[in-house]
Amino acid sequence: MIEKEIKENVKKNNVIFGYKEVIKALKCSKLEKVIIASNAPERVKKDVEYNSRISGTKVEIFDKTNKDLGILCGKPFSVSVLGIKR
């Protein structure tokens, strides 16, 4: 189900990729949801979860690796964090 949601939002170009970009968007409350790969570094997870809590944004842990998340998004690189825009 989460995979279908990710694919739909990638098709609509409604997604932000990358830790730094997601943190910026969270601070501006521009995201509806954040998805973190299961093998993302602990520091990244904690920082994203903290900023999500402040902005009131939902966080989901993707049950596969960052490589799988990149493949699902159709990207030639691994994706550890992505944000779905409001």
PDB file of N, CA and C in Angstrom:
ATOM      1  N   MET A   1       0.826  -1.199   0.000  1.00  0.00           N
ATOM      2  CA  MET A   1       0.000   0.000   0.000  1.00  0.00           C
ATOM      3  C   MET A   1       0.866   1.257   0.000  1.00  0.00           C
ATOM      4  N   ILE A   2       1.879   1.292   0.834  1.00  0.00           N
ATOM      5  CA  ILE A   2       2.773   2.458   0.874  1.00  0.00           C
ATOM      6  C   ILE A   2       3.515   2.577  -0.458  1.00  0.00           C
ATOM      7  N   GLU A   3       3.830   1.431  -1.070  1.00  0.00           N
ATOM      8  CA  GLU A   3       4.530   1.435  -2.351  1.00  0.00           C
ATOM      9  C   GLU A   3       3.665   2.077  -3.434  1.00  0.00           C
ATOM     10  N   LYS A   4       2.378   1.774  -3.428  1.00  0.00           N
ATOM     11  CA  LYS A   4       1.453   2.353  -4.406  1.00  0.00           C
ATOM     12  C   LYS A   4       1.373   3.871  -4.218  1.00  0.00           C
ATOM     13  N   GLU A   5       1.308   4.306  -2.968  1.00  0.00           N
ATOM     14  CA  GLU A   5       1.249   5.740  -2.659  1.00  0.00           C
ATOM     15  C   GLU A   5       2.512   6.457  -3.148  1.00  0.00           C
ATOM     16  N   ILE A   6       3.669   5.837  -2.941  1.00  0.00           N
ATOM     17  CA  ILE A   6       4.932   6.430  -3.378  1.00  0.00           C
ATOM     18  C   ILE A   6       4.949   6.556  -4.901  1.00  0.00           C
ATOM     19  N   LYS A   7       4.580   5.466  -5.606  1.00  0.00           N
ATOM     20  CA  LYS A   7       4.589   5.481  -7.073  1.00  0.00           C
ATOM     21  C   LYS A   7       3.667   6.564  -7.623  1.00  0.00           C
ATOM     22  N   GLU A   8       2.473   6.684  -7.058  1.00  0.00           N
ATOM     23  CA  GLU A   8       1.512   7.691  -7.530  1.00  0.00           C
ATOM     24  C   GLU A   8       2.066   9.101  -7.358  1.00  0.00           C
ATOM     25  N   ASN A   9       2.669   9.371  -6.205  1.00  0.00           N
ATOM     26  CA  ASN A   9       3.198  10.704  -5.942  1.00  0.00           C
ATOM     27  C   ASN A   9       4.443  11.009  -6.773  1.00  0.00           C
ATOM     28  N   VAL A  10       5.246  10.000  -7.075  1.00  0.00           N
ATOM     29  CA  VAL A  10       6.412  10.209  -7.939  1.00  0.00           C
ATOM     30  C   VAL A  10       5.928  10.563  -9.350  1.00  0.00           C
ATOM     31  N   LYS A  11       4.888   9.869  -9.826  1.00  0.00           N
ATOM     32  CA  LYS A  11       4.320  10.170 -11.155  1.00  0.00           C
ATOM     33  C   LYS A  11       3.801  11.602 -11.222  1.00  0.00           C
ATOM     34  N   LYS A  12       3.193  12.073 -10.136  1.00  0.00           N
ATOM     35  CA  LYS A  12       2.634  13.432 -10.083  1.00  0.00           C
ATOM     36  C   LYS A  12       3.707  14.482  -9.811  1.00  0.00           C
ATOM     37  N   ASN A  13       4.956  14.036  -9.626  1.00  0.00           N
ATOM     38  CA  ASN A  13       6.070  14.929  -9.279  1.00  0.00           C
ATOM     39  C   ASN A  13       5.766  15.674  -7.969  1.00  0.00           C
ATOM     40  N   ASN A  14       5.256  14.937  -7.020  1.00  0.00           N
ATOM     41  CA  ASN A  14       4.813  15.488  -5.745  1.00  0.00           C
ATOM     42  C   ASN A  14       5.720  15.021  -4.597  1.00  0.00           C
ATOM     43  N   VAL A  15       7.002  14.768  -4.913  1.00  0.00           N
ATOM     44  CA  VAL A  15       7.908  14.159  -3.942  1.00  0.00           C
ATOM     45  C   VAL A  15       9.217  14.960  -3.849  1.00  0.00           C
ATOM     46  N   ILE A  16       9.756  15.016  -2.637  1.00  0.00           N
ATOM     47  CA  ILE A  16      11.070  15.631  -2.400  1.00  0.00           C
ATOM     48  C   ILE A  16      12.009  14.513  -1.962  1.00  0.00           C
ATOM     49  N   PHE A  17      13.181  14.435  -2.594  1.00  0.00           N
ATOM     50  CA  PHE A  17      14.161  13.409  -2.267  1.00  0.00           C
ATOM     51  C   PHE A  17      15.305  14.007  -1.465  1.00  0.00           C
ATOM     52  N   GLY A  18      15.803  13.234  -0.508  1.00  0.00           N
ATOM     53  CA  GLY A  18      17.011  13.619   0.201  1.00  0.00           C
ATOM     54  C   GLY A  18      16.777  14.210   1.577  1.00  0.00           C
ATOM     55  N   TYR A  19      17.705  13.901   2.447  1.00  0.00           N
ATOM     56  CA  TYR A  19      17.634  14.307   3.852  1.00  0.00           C
ATOM     57  C   TYR A  19      17.567  15.824   4.021  1.00  0.00           C
ATOM     58  N   LYS A  20      18.502  16.549   3.389  1.00  0.00           N
ATOM     59  CA  LYS A  20      18.566  18.003   3.576  1.00  0.00           C
ATOM     60  C   LYS A  20      17.317  18.697   3.043  1.00  0.00           C
ATOM     61  N   GLU A  21      16.853  18.267   1.875  1.00  0.00           N
ATOM     62  CA  GLU A  21      15.663  18.876   1.276  1.00  0.00           C
ATOM     63  C   GLU A  21      14.417  18.599   2.116  1.00  0.00           C
ATOM     64  N   VAL A  22      14.318  17.386   2.655  1.00  0.00           N
ATOM     65  CA  VAL A  22      13.171  17.025   3.498  1.00  0.00           C
ATOM     66  C   VAL A  22      13.180  17.847   4.781  1.00  0.00           C
ATOM     67  N   ILE A  23      14.342  18.028   5.389  1.00  0.00           N
ATOM     68  CA  ILE A  23      14.438  18.823   6.622  1.00  0.00           C
ATOM     69  C   ILE A  23      13.997  20.262   6.343  1.00  0.00           C
ATOM     70  N   LYS A  24      14.459  20.843   5.228  1.00  0.00           N
ATOM     71  CA  LYS A  24      14.048  22.211   4.865  1.00  0.00           C
ATOM     72  C   LYS A  24      12.536  22.302   4.711  1.00  0.00           C
ATOM     73  N   ALA A  25      11.955  21.338   4.009  1.00  0.00           N
ATOM     74  CA  ALA A  25      10.508  21.344   3.772  1.00  0.00           C
ATOM     75  C   ALA A  25       9.734  21.147   5.077  1.00  0.00           C
ATOM     76  N   LEU A  26      10.257  20.318   5.977  1.00  0.00           N
ATOM     77  CA  LEU A  26       9.596  20.109   7.271  1.00  0.00           C
ATOM     78  C   LEU A  26       9.579  21.399   8.080  1.00  0.00           C
ATOM     79  N   LYS A  27      10.671  22.133   8.047  1.00  0.00           N
ATOM     80  CA  LYS A  27      10.747  23.379   8.805  1.00  0.00           C
ATOM     81  C   LYS A  27       9.769  24.419   8.276  1.00  0.00           C
ATOM     82  N   CYS A  28       9.394  24.292   6.999  1.00  0.00           N
ATOM     83  CA  CYS A  28       8.408  25.206   6.395  1.00  0.00           C
ATOM     84  C   CYS A  28       7.005  24.596   6.380  1.00  0.00           C
ATOM     85  N   SER A  29       6.839  23.421   6.982  1.00  0.00           N
ATOM     86  CA  SER A  29       5.554  22.698   7.031  1.00  0.00           C
ATOM     87  C   SER A  29       4.954  22.474   5.646  1.00  0.00           C
ATOM     88  N   LYS A  30       5.780  22.035   4.694  1.00  0.00           N
ATOM     89  CA  LYS A  30       5.324  21.811   3.330  1.00  0.00           C
ATOM     90  C   LYS A  30       5.022  20.347   3.023  1.00  0.00           C
ATOM     91  N   LEU A  31       5.234  19.456   3.996  1.00  0.00           N
ATOM     92  CA  LEU A  31       5.081  18.032   3.724  1.00  0.00           C
ATOM     93  C   LEU A  31       3.876  17.429   4.422  1.00  0.00           C
ATOM     94  N   GLU A  32       3.267  16.455   3.736  1.00  0.00           N
ATOM     95  CA  GLU A  32       2.139  15.707   4.290  1.00  0.00           C
ATOM     96  C   GLU A  32       2.646  14.475   5.036  1.00  0.00           C
ATOM     97  N   LYS A  33       3.708  13.855   4.456  1.00  0.00           N
ATOM     98  CA  LYS A  33       4.237  12.619   5.026  1.00  0.00           C
ATOM     99  C   LYS A  33       5.709  12.475   4.671  1.00  0.00           C
ATOM    100  N   VAL A  34       6.464  11.834   5.566  1.00  0.00           N
ATOM    101  CA  VAL A  34       7.879  11.540   5.311  1.00  0.00           C
ATOM    102  C   VAL A  34       8.055  10.031   5.368  1.00  0.00           C
ATOM    103  N   ILE A  35       8.817   9.501   4.413  1.00  0.00           N
ATOM    104  CA  ILE A  35       9.089   8.068   4.376  1.00  0.00           C
ATOM    105  C   ILE A  35      10.595   7.877   4.501  1.00  0.00           C
ATOM    106  N   ILE A  36      10.985   7.021   5.452  1.00  0.00           N
ATOM    107  CA  ILE A  36      12.399   6.767   5.740  1.00  0.00           C
ATOM    108  C   ILE A  36      12.698   5.301   5.448  1.00  0.00           C
ATOM    109  N   ALA A  37      13.790   5.031   4.737  1.00  0.00           N
ATOM    110  CA  ALA A  37      14.212   3.653   4.457  1.00  0.00           C
ATOM    111  C   ALA A  37      14.626   2.973   5.759  1.00  0.00           C
ATOM    112  N   SER A  38      14.440   1.670   5.807  1.00  0.00           N
ATOM    113  CA  SER A  38      14.733   0.920   7.037  1.00  0.00           C
ATOM    114  C   SER A  38      16.201   0.974   7.433  1.00  0.00           C
ATOM    115  N   ASN A  39      17.097   1.144   6.461  1.00  0.00           N
ATOM    116  CA  ASN A  39      18.525   1.153   6.787  1.00  0.00           C
ATOM    117  C   ASN A  39      19.137   2.559   6.770  1.00  0.00           C
ATOM    118  N   ALA A  40      18.303   3.574   6.878  1.00  0.00           N
ATOM    119  CA  ALA A  40      18.823   4.950   6.955  1.00  0.00           C
ATOM    120  C   ALA A  40      19.621   5.094   8.248  1.00  0.00           C
ATOM    121  N   PRO A  41      20.656   5.929   8.246  1.00  0.00           N
ATOM    122  CA  PRO A  41      21.455   6.115   9.464  1.00  0.00           C
ATOM    123  C   PRO A  41      20.588   6.590  10.641  1.00  0.00           C
ATOM    124  N   GLU A  42      20.919   6.133  11.824  1.00  0.00           N
ATOM    125  CA  GLU A  42      20.135   6.454  13.029  1.00  0.00           C
ATOM    126  C   GLU A  42      20.031   7.964  13.245  1.00  0.00           C
ATOM    127  N   ARG A  43      21.117   8.676  12.995  1.00  0.00           N
ATOM    128  CA  ARG A  43      21.118  10.140  13.153  1.00  0.00           C
ATOM    129  C   ARG A  43      20.082  10.788  12.237  1.00  0.00           C
ATOM    130  N   VAL A  44      20.006  10.296  11.005  1.00  0.00           N
ATOM    131  CA  VAL A  44      19.044  10.823  10.028  1.00  0.00           C
ATOM    132  C   VAL A  44      17.613  10.537  10.499  1.00  0.00           C
ATOM    133  N   LYS A  45      17.369   9.309  10.943  1.00  0.00           N
ATOM    134  CA  LYS A  45      16.033   8.942  11.422  1.00  0.00           C
ATOM    135  C   LYS A  45      15.597   9.849  12.570  1.00  0.00           C
ATOM    136  N   LYS A  46      16.482  10.012  13.557  1.00  0.00           N
ATOM    137  CA  LYS A  46      16.141  10.818  14.735  1.00  0.00           C
ATOM    138  C   LYS A  46      15.870  12.267  14.365  1.00  0.00           C
ATOM    139  N   ASP A  47      16.719  12.827  13.499  1.00  0.00           N
ATOM    140  CA  ASP A  47      16.573  14.220  13.093  1.00  0.00           C
ATOM    141  C   ASP A  47      15.258  14.431  12.324  1.00  0.00           C
ATOM    142  N   VAL A  48      14.955  13.535  11.406  1.00  0.00           N
ATOM    143  CA  VAL A  48      13.715  13.645  10.629  1.00  0.00           C
ATOM    144  C   VAL A  48      12.497  13.461  11.531  1.00  0.00           C
ATOM    145  N   GLU A  49      12.544  12.479  12.422  1.00  0.00           N
ATOM    146  CA  GLU A  49      11.419  12.250  13.331  1.00  0.00           C
ATOM    147  C   GLU A  49      11.200  13.447  14.252  1.00  0.00           C
ATOM    148  N   TYR A  50      12.275  14.049  14.736  1.00  0.00           N
ATOM    149  CA  TYR A  50      12.173  15.221  15.608  1.00  0.00           C
ATOM    150  C   TYR A  50      11.507  16.380  14.870  1.00  0.00           C
ATOM    151  N   ASN A  51      12.005  16.692  13.677  1.00  0.00           N
ATOM    152  CA  ASN A  51      11.434  17.798  12.901  1.00  0.00           C
ATOM    153  C   ASN A  51      10.003  17.501  12.455  1.00  0.00           C
ATOM    154  N   SER A  52       9.686  16.236  12.209  1.00  0.00           N
ATOM    155  CA  SER A  52       8.327  15.853  11.840  1.00  0.00           C
ATOM    156  C   SER A  52       7.369  16.071  13.002  1.00  0.00           C
ATOM    157  N   ARG A  53       7.831  15.721  14.196  1.00  0.00           N
ATOM    158  CA  ARG A  53       7.000  15.916  15.390  1.00  0.00           C
ATOM    159  C   ARG A  53       6.668  17.396  15.569  1.00  0.00           C
ATOM    160  N   ILE A  54       7.653  18.257  15.386  1.00  0.00           N
ATOM    161  CA  ILE A  54       7.449  19.696  15.543  1.00  0.00           C
ATOM    162  C   ILE A  54       6.451  20.231  14.521  1.00  0.00           C
ATOM    163  N   SER A  55       6.566  19.766  13.267  1.00  0.00           N
ATOM    164  CA  SER A  55       5.689  20.274  12.210  1.00  0.00           C
ATOM    165  C   SER A  55       4.365  19.517  12.112  1.00  0.00           C
ATOM    166  N   GLY A  56       4.212  18.429  12.870  1.00  0.00           N
ATOM    167  CA  GLY A  56       2.967  17.662  12.844  1.00  0.00           C
ATOM    168  C   GLY A  56       2.814  16.819  11.587  1.00  0.00           C
ATOM    169  N   THR A  57       3.928  16.338  11.064  1.00  0.00           N
ATOM    170  CA  THR A  57       3.937  15.533   9.836  1.00  0.00           C
ATOM    171  C   THR A  57       4.067  14.060  10.183  1.00  0.00           C
ATOM    172  N   LYS A  58       3.330  13.202   9.459  1.00  0.00           N
ATOM    173  CA  LYS A  58       3.404  11.754   9.682  1.00  0.00           C
ATOM    174  C   LYS A  58       4.728  11.212   9.159  1.00  0.00           C
ATOM    175  N   VAL A  59       5.263  10.213   9.862  1.00  0.00           N
ATOM    176  CA  VAL A  59       6.493   9.542   9.440  1.00  0.00           C
ATOM    177  C   VAL A  59       6.204   8.060   9.305  1.00  0.00           C
ATOM    178  N   GLU A  60       6.648   7.473   8.198  1.00  0.00           N
ATOM    179  CA  GLU A  60       6.523   6.030   8.010  1.00  0.00           C
ATOM    180  C   GLU A  60       7.900   5.470   7.710  1.00  0.00           C
ATOM    181  N   ILE A  61       8.167   4.307   8.276  1.00  0.00           N
ATOM    182  CA  ILE A  61       9.422   3.610   7.992  1.00  0.00           C
ATOM    183  C   ILE A  61       9.138   2.616   6.875  1.00  0.00           C
ATOM    184  N   PHE A  62       9.841   2.773   5.756  1.00  0.00           N
ATOM    185  CA  PHE A  62       9.712   1.869   4.614  1.00  0.00           C
ATOM    186  C   PHE A  62      10.404   0.572   5.005  1.00  0.00           C
ATOM    187  N   ASP A  63       9.740  -0.569   4.836  1.00  0.00           N
ATOM    188  CA  ASP A  63      10.279  -1.830   5.354  1.00  0.00           C
ATOM    189  C   ASP A  63      11.414  -2.429   4.523  1.00  0.00           C
ATOM    190  N   LYS A  64      11.858  -1.715   3.494  1.00  0.00           N
ATOM    191  CA  LYS A  64      12.964  -2.198   2.675  1.00  0.00           C
ATOM    192  C   LYS A  64      14.118  -1.204   2.735  1.00  0.00           C
ATOM    193  N   THR A  65      15.201  -1.517   2.018  1.00  0.00           N
ATOM    194  CA  THR A  65      16.413  -0.692   2.084  1.00  0.00           C
ATOM    195  C   THR A  65      16.301   0.569   1.236  1.00  0.00           C
ATOM    196  N   ASN A  66      17.305   1.437   1.385  1.00  0.00           N
ATOM    197  CA  ASN A  66      17.337   2.670   0.604  1.00  0.00           C
ATOM    198  C   ASN A  66      17.520   2.392  -0.891  1.00  0.00           C
ATOM    199  N   LYS A  67      18.193   1.305  -1.239  1.00  0.00           N
ATOM    200  CA  LYS A  67      18.333   0.922  -2.652  1.00  0.00           C
ATOM    201  C   LYS A  67      16.965   0.574  -3.232  1.00  0.00           C
ATOM    202  N   ASP A  68      16.188  -0.207  -2.475  1.00  0.00           N
ATOM    203  CA  ASP A  68      14.844  -0.594  -2.923  1.00  0.00           C
ATOM    204  C   ASP A  68      13.943   0.623  -3.069  1.00  0.00           C
ATOM    205  N   LEU A  69      14.082   1.576  -2.166  1.00  0.00           N
ATOM    206  CA  LEU A  69      13.281   2.798  -2.232  1.00  0.00           C
ATOM    207  C   LEU A  69      13.656   3.614  -3.474  1.00  0.00           C
ATOM    208  N   GLY A  70      14.937   3.686  -3.783  1.00  0.00           N
ATOM    209  CA  GLY A  70      15.388   4.369  -4.997  1.00  0.00           C
ATOM    210  C   GLY A  70      14.844   3.715  -6.249  1.00  0.00           C
ATOM    211  N   ILE A  71      14.872   2.380  -6.296  1.00  0.00           N
ATOM    212  CA  ILE A  71      14.352   1.632  -7.441  1.00  0.00           C
ATOM    213  C   ILE A  71      12.849   1.868  -7.586  1.00  0.00           C
ATOM    214  N   LEU A  72      12.136   1.843  -6.481  1.00  0.00           N
ATOM    215  CA  LEU A  72      10.691   2.069  -6.497  1.00  0.00           C
ATOM    216  C   LEU A  72      10.351   3.452  -7.059  1.00  0.00           C
ATOM    217  N   CYS A  73      11.195   4.427  -6.767  1.00  0.00           N
ATOM    218  CA  CYS A  73      10.981   5.801  -7.243  1.00  0.00           C
ATOM    219  C   CYS A  73      11.501   6.005  -8.659  1.00  0.00           C
ATOM    220  N   GLY A  74      12.146   4.976  -9.231  1.00  0.00           N
ATOM    221  CA  GLY A  74      12.676   5.082 -10.578  1.00  0.00           C
ATOM    222  C   GLY A  74      13.947   5.902 -10.656  1.00  0.00           C
ATOM    223  N   LYS A  75      14.692   5.950  -9.575  1.00  0.00           N
ATOM    224  CA  LYS A  75      15.924   6.731  -9.521  1.00  0.00           C
ATOM    225  C   LYS A  75      17.135   5.801  -9.625  1.00  0.00           C
ATOM    226  N   PRO A  76      18.227   6.279 -10.256  1.00  0.00           N
ATOM    227  CA  PRO A  76      19.435   5.453 -10.390  1.00  0.00           C
ATOM    228  C   PRO A  76      20.344   5.542  -9.164  1.00  0.00           C
ATOM    229  N   PHE A  77      19.794   5.946  -8.034  1.00  0.00           N
ATOM    230  CA  PHE A  77      20.575   6.069  -6.804  1.00  0.00           C
ATOM    231  C   PHE A  77      19.694   5.662  -5.626  1.00  0.00           C
ATOM    232  N   SER A  78      20.321   5.413  -4.490  1.00  0.00           N
ATOM    233  CA  SER A  78      19.549   5.035  -3.308  1.00  0.00           C
ATOM    234  C   SER A  78      18.908   6.263  -2.681  1.00  0.00           C
ATOM    235  N   VAL A  79      17.732   6.057  -2.094  1.00  0.00           N
ATOM    236  CA  VAL A  79      16.975   7.147  -1.463  1.00  0.00           C
ATOM    237  C   VAL A  79      16.691   6.725  -0.025  1.00  0.00           C
ATOM    238  N   SER A  80      17.270   7.427   0.939  1.00  0.00           N
ATOM    239  CA  SER A  80      17.037   7.053   2.339  1.00  0.00           C
ATOM    240  C   SER A  80      15.853   7.807   2.937  1.00  0.00           C
ATOM    241  N   VAL A  81      15.569   9.008   2.423  1.00  0.00           N
ATOM    242  CA  VAL A  81      14.451   9.806   2.949  1.00  0.00           C
ATOM    243  C   VAL A  81      13.736  10.471   1.778  1.00  0.00           C
ATOM    244  N   LEU A  82      12.403  10.409   1.821  1.00  0.00           N
ATOM    245  CA  LEU A  82      11.640  11.184   0.843  1.00  0.00           C
ATOM    246  C   LEU A  82      10.420  11.787   1.521  1.00  0.00           C
ATOM    247  N   GLY A  83      10.003  12.906   1.005  1.00  0.00           N
ATOM    248  CA  GLY A  83       8.852  13.612   1.561  1.00  0.00           C
ATOM    249  C   GLY A  83       7.765  13.759   0.514  1.00  0.00           C
ATOM    250  N   ILE A  84       6.515  13.573   0.928  1.00  0.00           N
ATOM    251  CA  ILE A  84       5.373  13.772   0.032  1.00  0.00           C
ATOM    252  C   ILE A  84       4.782  15.138   0.347  1.00  0.00           C
ATOM    253  N   LYS A  85       4.727  15.991  -0.686  1.00  0.00           N
ATOM    254  CA  LYS A  85       4.247  17.367  -0.504  1.00  0.00           C
ATOM    255  C   LYS A  85       2.755  17.397  -0.196  1.00  0.00           C
ATOM    256  N   ARG A  86       2.336  18.464   0.473  1.00  0.00           N
ATOM    257  CA  ARG A  86       0.915  18.674   0.768  1.00  0.00           C
ATOM    258  C   ARG A  86       0.157  18.963  -0.496  1.00  0.00           C
TER     259      ARG A  86
END
